[in-house]
N, C-alpha and C. Protein backbone atom coordinates (compact mmCIF):
# COMPACT_ATOMS: atom_id res chain seq x y z
N MET A 1 -28.83 4.57 -31.81
CA MET A 1 -28.07 5.24 -30.79
C MET A 1 -27.45 4.21 -29.84
N ARG A 2 -26.16 4.38 -29.55
CA ARG A 2 -25.46 3.44 -28.68
C ARG A 2 -25.80 3.68 -27.22
N THR A 3 -25.92 2.60 -26.50
CA THR A 3 -26.12 2.69 -25.06
C THR A 3 -24.76 2.85 -24.41
N PRO A 4 -24.60 3.84 -23.53
CA PRO A 4 -23.29 4.01 -22.89
C PRO A 4 -22.96 2.80 -22.02
N ALA A 5 -21.69 2.49 -22.00
CA ALA A 5 -21.23 1.39 -21.15
C ALA A 5 -21.48 1.75 -19.69
N PRO A 6 -21.83 0.76 -18.88
CA PRO A 6 -22.05 1.06 -17.46
C PRO A 6 -20.73 1.53 -16.82
N ARG A 7 -20.84 2.45 -15.90
CA ARG A 7 -19.67 2.97 -15.20
C ARG A 7 -19.19 1.92 -14.21
N LEU A 8 -17.90 1.63 -14.28
CA LEU A 8 -17.33 0.71 -13.32
C LEU A 8 -17.28 1.38 -11.96
N THR A 9 -17.55 0.62 -10.93
CA THR A 9 -17.44 1.17 -9.59
C THR A 9 -16.30 0.47 -8.88
N TYR A 10 -15.64 1.23 -8.05
CA TYR A 10 -14.51 0.71 -7.30
C TYR A 10 -14.78 0.86 -5.82
N HIS A 11 -13.86 0.40 -5.03
CA HIS A 11 -13.99 0.47 -3.58
C HIS A 11 -14.26 1.92 -3.17
N PRO A 12 -15.13 2.14 -2.17
CA PRO A 12 -15.42 3.51 -1.73
C PRO A 12 -14.19 4.31 -1.31
N ASP A 13 -13.18 3.66 -0.74
CA ASP A 13 -11.97 4.37 -0.34
C ASP A 13 -11.20 4.89 -1.56
N TYR A 14 -11.24 4.13 -2.63
CA TYR A 14 -10.61 4.57 -3.88
C TYR A 14 -11.39 5.75 -4.45
N GLU A 15 -12.71 5.61 -4.50
CA GLU A 15 -13.57 6.65 -5.07
C GLU A 15 -13.45 7.97 -4.30
N SER A 16 -13.27 7.89 -2.97
CA SER A 16 -13.24 9.11 -2.16
C SER A 16 -11.84 9.71 -2.02
N ALA A 17 -10.82 9.02 -2.48
CA ALA A 17 -9.45 9.54 -2.37
C ALA A 17 -9.23 10.66 -3.38
N PRO A 18 -8.36 11.61 -3.04
CA PRO A 18 -8.01 12.64 -4.03
C PRO A 18 -7.48 11.96 -5.30
N ALA A 19 -7.78 12.53 -6.43
CA ALA A 19 -7.39 11.92 -7.71
C ALA A 19 -5.90 11.63 -7.77
N GLN A 20 -5.07 12.50 -7.22
CA GLN A 20 -3.62 12.30 -7.29
C GLN A 20 -3.15 11.14 -6.39
N ASN A 21 -4.03 10.63 -5.53
CA ASN A 21 -3.65 9.52 -4.66
C ASN A 21 -4.33 8.21 -5.04
N ARG A 22 -4.93 8.16 -6.21
CA ARG A 22 -5.52 6.91 -6.70
C ARG A 22 -4.53 6.22 -7.63
N TRP A 23 -4.41 4.91 -7.45
CA TRP A 23 -3.56 4.13 -8.35
C TRP A 23 -4.47 3.30 -9.25
N ALA A 24 -4.46 3.60 -10.54
CA ALA A 24 -5.28 2.88 -11.51
C ALA A 24 -4.43 2.04 -12.45
N GLY A 25 -3.13 1.99 -12.20
CA GLY A 25 -2.24 1.23 -13.06
C GLY A 25 -2.49 -0.26 -12.97
N ALA A 26 -2.06 -0.96 -13.98
CA ALA A 26 -2.29 -2.40 -14.06
C ALA A 26 -1.25 -3.20 -13.28
N ARG A 27 -0.05 -2.65 -13.11
CA ARG A 27 1.03 -3.43 -12.51
C ARG A 27 1.51 -2.78 -11.21
N LEU A 28 1.68 -3.62 -10.19
CA LEU A 28 2.16 -3.10 -8.91
C LEU A 28 3.57 -2.56 -9.00
N MET A 29 4.39 -3.10 -9.90
CA MET A 29 5.75 -2.60 -10.03
C MET A 29 5.75 -1.13 -10.44
N GLY A 30 4.79 -0.73 -11.24
CA GLY A 30 4.67 0.68 -11.60
C GLY A 30 4.37 1.55 -10.40
N LEU A 31 3.54 1.06 -9.48
CA LEU A 31 3.24 1.78 -8.25
C LEU A 31 4.49 1.90 -7.39
N TRP A 32 5.23 0.80 -7.27
CA TRP A 32 6.46 0.78 -6.47
C TRP A 32 7.46 1.80 -7.02
N THR A 33 7.62 1.83 -8.32
CA THR A 33 8.53 2.78 -8.96
C THR A 33 8.10 4.21 -8.67
N LEU A 34 6.81 4.49 -8.83
CA LEU A 34 6.29 5.83 -8.59
C LEU A 34 6.51 6.27 -7.14
N LEU A 35 6.18 5.41 -6.19
CA LEU A 35 6.35 5.77 -4.78
C LEU A 35 7.81 6.03 -4.44
N ASN A 36 8.71 5.23 -4.99
CA ASN A 36 10.14 5.44 -4.75
C ASN A 36 10.62 6.76 -5.34
N GLN A 37 10.12 7.12 -6.51
CA GLN A 37 10.47 8.41 -7.11
C GLN A 37 9.95 9.55 -6.25
N GLU A 38 8.75 9.41 -5.73
CA GLU A 38 8.15 10.47 -4.93
C GLU A 38 8.89 10.67 -3.61
N ILE A 39 9.27 9.59 -2.93
CA ILE A 39 9.94 9.79 -1.63
C ILE A 39 11.30 10.46 -1.80
N ASP A 40 11.89 10.34 -2.99
CA ASP A 40 13.16 11.01 -3.23
C ASP A 40 13.01 12.52 -3.36
N THR A 41 11.77 13.00 -3.51
CA THR A 41 11.53 14.44 -3.64
C THR A 41 10.97 15.04 -2.36
N LYS A 42 10.77 14.23 -1.33
CA LYS A 42 10.15 14.68 -0.07
C LYS A 42 11.15 14.62 1.07
N PRO A 43 10.92 15.42 2.11
CA PRO A 43 11.77 15.32 3.30
C PRO A 43 11.61 13.95 3.96
N ALA A 44 12.61 13.53 4.69
CA ALA A 44 12.55 12.25 5.41
C ALA A 44 11.32 12.22 6.31
N GLY A 45 10.67 11.07 6.35
CA GLY A 45 9.52 10.88 7.21
C GLY A 45 8.18 11.16 6.58
N VAL A 46 8.15 11.78 5.41
CA VAL A 46 6.88 12.11 4.75
C VAL A 46 6.39 10.89 3.96
N TRP A 47 5.14 10.53 4.20
CA TRP A 47 4.55 9.40 3.48
C TRP A 47 4.11 9.82 2.08
N CYS A 48 4.40 8.99 1.10
CA CYS A 48 3.84 9.08 -0.24
C CYS A 48 2.94 7.86 -0.36
N TRP A 49 1.71 8.04 -0.82
CA TRP A 49 0.76 6.93 -0.77
C TRP A 49 -0.23 6.96 -1.92
N ARG A 50 -0.84 5.81 -2.14
CA ARG A 50 -1.88 5.63 -3.13
C ARG A 50 -2.93 4.66 -2.57
N VAL A 51 -4.13 4.78 -3.10
CA VAL A 51 -5.21 3.83 -2.81
C VAL A 51 -5.46 3.06 -4.10
N LEU A 52 -5.55 1.75 -3.98
CA LEU A 52 -5.82 0.91 -5.14
C LEU A 52 -7.32 0.75 -5.33
N LYS A 53 -7.73 0.34 -6.52
CA LYS A 53 -9.14 0.20 -6.86
C LYS A 53 -9.90 -0.70 -5.89
N GLY A 54 -9.22 -1.69 -5.34
CA GLY A 54 -9.84 -2.63 -4.41
C GLY A 54 -9.87 -2.15 -2.97
N GLY A 55 -9.30 -0.96 -2.70
CA GLY A 55 -9.37 -0.38 -1.36
C GLY A 55 -8.13 -0.48 -0.52
N ALA A 56 -7.07 -1.11 -1.01
CA ALA A 56 -5.83 -1.18 -0.24
C ALA A 56 -5.10 0.16 -0.31
N PHE A 57 -4.58 0.59 0.83
CA PHE A 57 -3.74 1.79 0.92
C PHE A 57 -2.29 1.33 0.95
N VAL A 58 -1.44 1.92 0.11
CA VAL A 58 -0.02 1.58 0.07
C VAL A 58 0.77 2.87 0.23
N GLY A 59 1.61 2.90 1.25
CA GLY A 59 2.42 4.09 1.50
C GLY A 59 3.88 3.73 1.63
N LEU A 60 4.74 4.69 1.32
CA LEU A 60 6.18 4.50 1.43
C LEU A 60 6.80 5.79 1.94
N ARG A 61 7.76 5.66 2.84
CA ARG A 61 8.51 6.83 3.30
C ARG A 61 9.95 6.44 3.57
N ARG A 62 10.81 7.44 3.54
CA ARG A 62 12.22 7.24 3.85
C ARG A 62 12.48 7.88 5.22
N LEU A 63 13.15 7.15 6.09
CA LEU A 63 13.47 7.66 7.42
C LEU A 63 14.78 8.44 7.41
N GLU A 64 15.07 9.10 8.50
CA GLU A 64 16.30 9.90 8.62
C GLU A 64 17.55 9.07 8.35
N ASP A 65 17.54 7.80 8.76
CA ASP A 65 18.72 6.95 8.56
C ASP A 65 18.84 6.42 7.13
N GLY A 66 17.88 6.78 6.27
CA GLY A 66 17.95 6.42 4.86
C GLY A 66 17.15 5.20 4.46
N HIS A 67 16.75 4.37 5.42
CA HIS A 67 16.00 3.18 5.00
C HIS A 67 14.52 3.52 4.83
N ARG A 68 13.86 2.68 4.04
CA ARG A 68 12.46 2.91 3.69
C ARG A 68 11.54 2.05 4.54
N VAL A 69 10.31 2.56 4.70
CA VAL A 69 9.26 1.84 5.40
C VAL A 69 8.05 1.79 4.47
N LEU A 70 7.52 0.60 4.29
CA LEU A 70 6.34 0.36 3.47
C LEU A 70 5.17 0.12 4.41
N ARG A 71 4.01 0.73 4.13
CA ARG A 71 2.80 0.49 4.92
C ARG A 71 1.68 0.07 3.98
N ILE A 72 1.07 -1.05 4.31
CA ILE A 72 -0.08 -1.55 3.56
C ILE A 72 -1.24 -1.62 4.55
N ALA A 73 -2.37 -1.04 4.18
CA ALA A 73 -3.48 -0.95 5.12
C ALA A 73 -4.83 -1.06 4.40
N ARG A 74 -5.83 -1.37 5.19
CA ARG A 74 -7.22 -1.38 4.72
C ARG A 74 -8.09 -0.80 5.84
N ARG A 75 -9.11 -0.05 5.43
CA ARG A 75 -10.05 0.49 6.41
C ARG A 75 -11.12 -0.52 6.80
N ASP A 76 -11.33 -1.52 5.95
CA ASP A 76 -12.37 -2.51 6.22
C ASP A 76 -11.87 -3.53 7.24
N PRO A 77 -12.66 -3.78 8.29
CA PRO A 77 -12.27 -4.83 9.25
C PRO A 77 -12.52 -6.21 8.65
N PHE A 78 -11.88 -7.21 9.24
CA PHE A 78 -12.14 -8.58 8.82
C PHE A 78 -13.58 -8.92 9.15
N THR A 79 -14.27 -9.56 8.23
CA THR A 79 -15.67 -9.93 8.46
C THR A 79 -15.88 -11.43 8.47
N THR A 80 -14.84 -12.19 8.17
CA THR A 80 -14.95 -13.65 8.17
C THR A 80 -13.77 -14.23 8.94
N PRO A 81 -13.90 -15.45 9.42
CA PRO A 81 -12.80 -16.07 10.17
C PRO A 81 -11.49 -16.18 9.37
N ASP A 82 -11.61 -16.28 8.03
CA ASP A 82 -10.40 -16.40 7.23
C ASP A 82 -9.82 -15.05 6.82
N GLY A 83 -10.32 -13.96 7.41
CA GLY A 83 -9.83 -12.63 7.10
C GLY A 83 -8.32 -12.47 7.28
N PRO A 84 -7.76 -12.87 8.43
CA PRO A 84 -6.31 -12.74 8.60
C PRO A 84 -5.51 -13.53 7.57
N GLU A 85 -6.01 -14.70 7.19
CA GLU A 85 -5.32 -15.51 6.18
C GLU A 85 -5.34 -14.80 4.82
N LYS A 86 -6.48 -14.20 4.48
CA LYS A 86 -6.58 -13.45 3.22
C LYS A 86 -5.69 -12.22 3.25
N TRP A 87 -5.60 -11.56 4.41
CA TRP A 87 -4.73 -10.40 4.55
C TRP A 87 -3.27 -10.79 4.32
N ASN A 88 -2.84 -11.89 4.91
CA ASN A 88 -1.47 -12.36 4.73
C ASN A 88 -1.19 -12.71 3.26
N ALA A 89 -2.17 -13.29 2.59
CA ALA A 89 -2.00 -13.61 1.17
C ALA A 89 -1.89 -12.33 0.34
N GLU A 90 -2.69 -11.31 0.68
CA GLU A 90 -2.62 -10.04 -0.03
C GLU A 90 -1.26 -9.37 0.20
N LEU A 91 -0.79 -9.38 1.44
CA LEU A 91 0.52 -8.81 1.74
C LEU A 91 1.62 -9.51 0.95
N ALA A 92 1.53 -10.83 0.84
CA ALA A 92 2.55 -11.60 0.12
C ALA A 92 2.64 -11.17 -1.34
N VAL A 93 1.50 -10.85 -1.95
CA VAL A 93 1.51 -10.40 -3.35
C VAL A 93 2.24 -9.07 -3.46
N PHE A 94 1.92 -8.12 -2.57
CA PHE A 94 2.61 -6.84 -2.60
C PHE A 94 4.12 -7.01 -2.41
N LEU A 95 4.51 -7.79 -1.41
CA LEU A 95 5.93 -7.97 -1.12
C LEU A 95 6.67 -8.62 -2.29
N ARG A 96 6.04 -9.61 -2.89
CA ARG A 96 6.65 -10.28 -4.04
C ARG A 96 6.82 -9.29 -5.20
N ASP A 97 5.74 -8.58 -5.53
CA ASP A 97 5.79 -7.69 -6.68
C ASP A 97 6.69 -6.48 -6.44
N PHE A 98 6.82 -6.05 -5.19
CA PHE A 98 7.69 -4.92 -4.85
C PHE A 98 9.13 -5.36 -4.61
N GLY A 99 9.38 -6.67 -4.52
CA GLY A 99 10.74 -7.15 -4.24
C GLY A 99 11.16 -6.91 -2.80
N CYS A 100 10.21 -6.99 -1.88
CA CYS A 100 10.46 -6.67 -0.47
C CYS A 100 10.29 -7.88 0.45
N VAL A 101 10.47 -9.06 -0.06
CA VAL A 101 10.18 -10.26 0.73
C VAL A 101 11.08 -10.39 1.96
N LEU A 102 12.23 -9.75 1.96
CA LEU A 102 13.14 -9.85 3.12
C LEU A 102 12.96 -8.69 4.11
N TRP A 103 12.00 -7.83 3.86
CA TRP A 103 11.78 -6.69 4.76
C TRP A 103 11.14 -7.19 6.05
N GLN A 104 11.43 -6.51 7.14
CA GLN A 104 10.95 -6.93 8.47
C GLN A 104 9.52 -6.46 8.70
N ARG A 105 8.66 -7.40 9.05
CA ARG A 105 7.23 -7.11 9.25
C ARG A 105 6.96 -6.58 10.66
N GLN A 106 6.07 -5.61 10.73
CA GLN A 106 5.61 -5.07 12.01
C GLN A 106 4.12 -4.79 11.89
N ASP A 107 3.30 -5.61 12.54
CA ASP A 107 1.85 -5.38 12.51
C ASP A 107 1.51 -4.24 13.45
N GLU A 108 0.72 -3.30 12.97
CA GLU A 108 0.30 -2.18 13.82
C GLU A 108 -0.82 -2.66 14.73
N LYS A 109 -0.69 -2.41 16.03
CA LYS A 109 -1.68 -2.88 17.00
C LYS A 109 -2.98 -2.07 16.92
N GLU A 110 -2.87 -0.76 16.84
CA GLU A 110 -4.04 0.12 16.71
C GLU A 110 -3.76 1.10 15.59
N PRO A 111 -3.90 0.64 14.33
CA PRO A 111 -3.53 1.49 13.20
C PRO A 111 -4.40 2.74 13.09
N GLU A 112 -3.77 3.85 12.87
CA GLU A 112 -4.49 5.11 12.71
C GLU A 112 -5.15 5.13 11.33
N GLY A 113 -6.46 5.34 11.32
CA GLY A 113 -7.18 5.47 10.06
C GLY A 113 -7.41 4.16 9.31
N ALA A 114 -7.19 3.03 9.96
CA ALA A 114 -7.34 1.75 9.27
C ALA A 114 -7.83 0.68 10.24
N ALA A 115 -8.46 -0.35 9.71
CA ALA A 115 -8.85 -1.49 10.52
C ALA A 115 -7.67 -2.45 10.67
N VAL A 116 -6.86 -2.51 9.63
CA VAL A 116 -5.69 -3.38 9.65
C VAL A 116 -4.57 -2.69 8.88
N ALA A 117 -3.37 -2.76 9.43
CA ALA A 117 -2.22 -2.16 8.75
C ALA A 117 -0.96 -2.90 9.16
N THR A 118 -0.06 -3.03 8.21
CA THR A 118 1.21 -3.71 8.45
C THR A 118 2.33 -2.85 7.88
N LEU A 119 3.38 -2.68 8.67
CA LEU A 119 4.57 -1.97 8.23
C LEU A 119 5.63 -2.99 7.85
N PHE A 120 6.45 -2.64 6.88
CA PHE A 120 7.59 -3.45 6.49
C PHE A 120 8.80 -2.53 6.43
N HIS A 121 9.84 -2.88 7.19
CA HIS A 121 11.04 -2.07 7.29
C HIS A 121 12.14 -2.65 6.40
N GLU A 122 12.71 -1.79 5.59
CA GLU A 122 13.82 -2.20 4.73
C GLU A 122 15.01 -2.56 5.61
N PRO A 123 15.65 -3.69 5.34
CA PRO A 123 16.85 -4.03 6.11
C PRO A 123 17.96 -3.02 5.86
N LEU A 124 18.68 -2.70 6.91
CA LEU A 124 19.83 -1.82 6.73
C LEU A 124 20.92 -2.57 6.00
N PRO A 125 21.75 -1.88 5.23
CA PRO A 125 22.83 -2.55 4.47
C PRO A 125 23.68 -3.43 5.40
N GLY A 126 24.00 -4.59 4.91
CA GLY A 126 24.85 -5.51 5.66
C GLY A 126 24.09 -6.45 6.56
N LEU A 127 22.76 -6.28 6.69
CA LEU A 127 21.98 -7.12 7.58
C LEU A 127 21.21 -8.21 6.84
N ILE A 128 21.32 -8.23 5.52
CA ILE A 128 20.60 -9.27 4.75
C ILE A 128 21.44 -10.51 4.65
């Protein structure tokens, strides 16, 4: 009789998220494509979001003026002195893979529902 493979465990925020808001895909570009498709079906201002296996929350919304806002957040506070440096490195990966390196960064001072959160605003046409 075969022994069942051990169940993989993921970040508690991923495990506790509704199934439709979990991102289990292998590539971030797939997440970016999905979020962009979803915001096109929602009214302006509504967040479409996913939680990744490692606990990062990624949200996207379109504002009334048509530009998009990306939000990347974590509920876990920094526990080591190099926490902010690791956060910046994580953000850089998302921005690179999403093609958003020229988006304007805005760190949230007191993020709702998160220990750390950063917004990125899509540049308006003609400002790049």
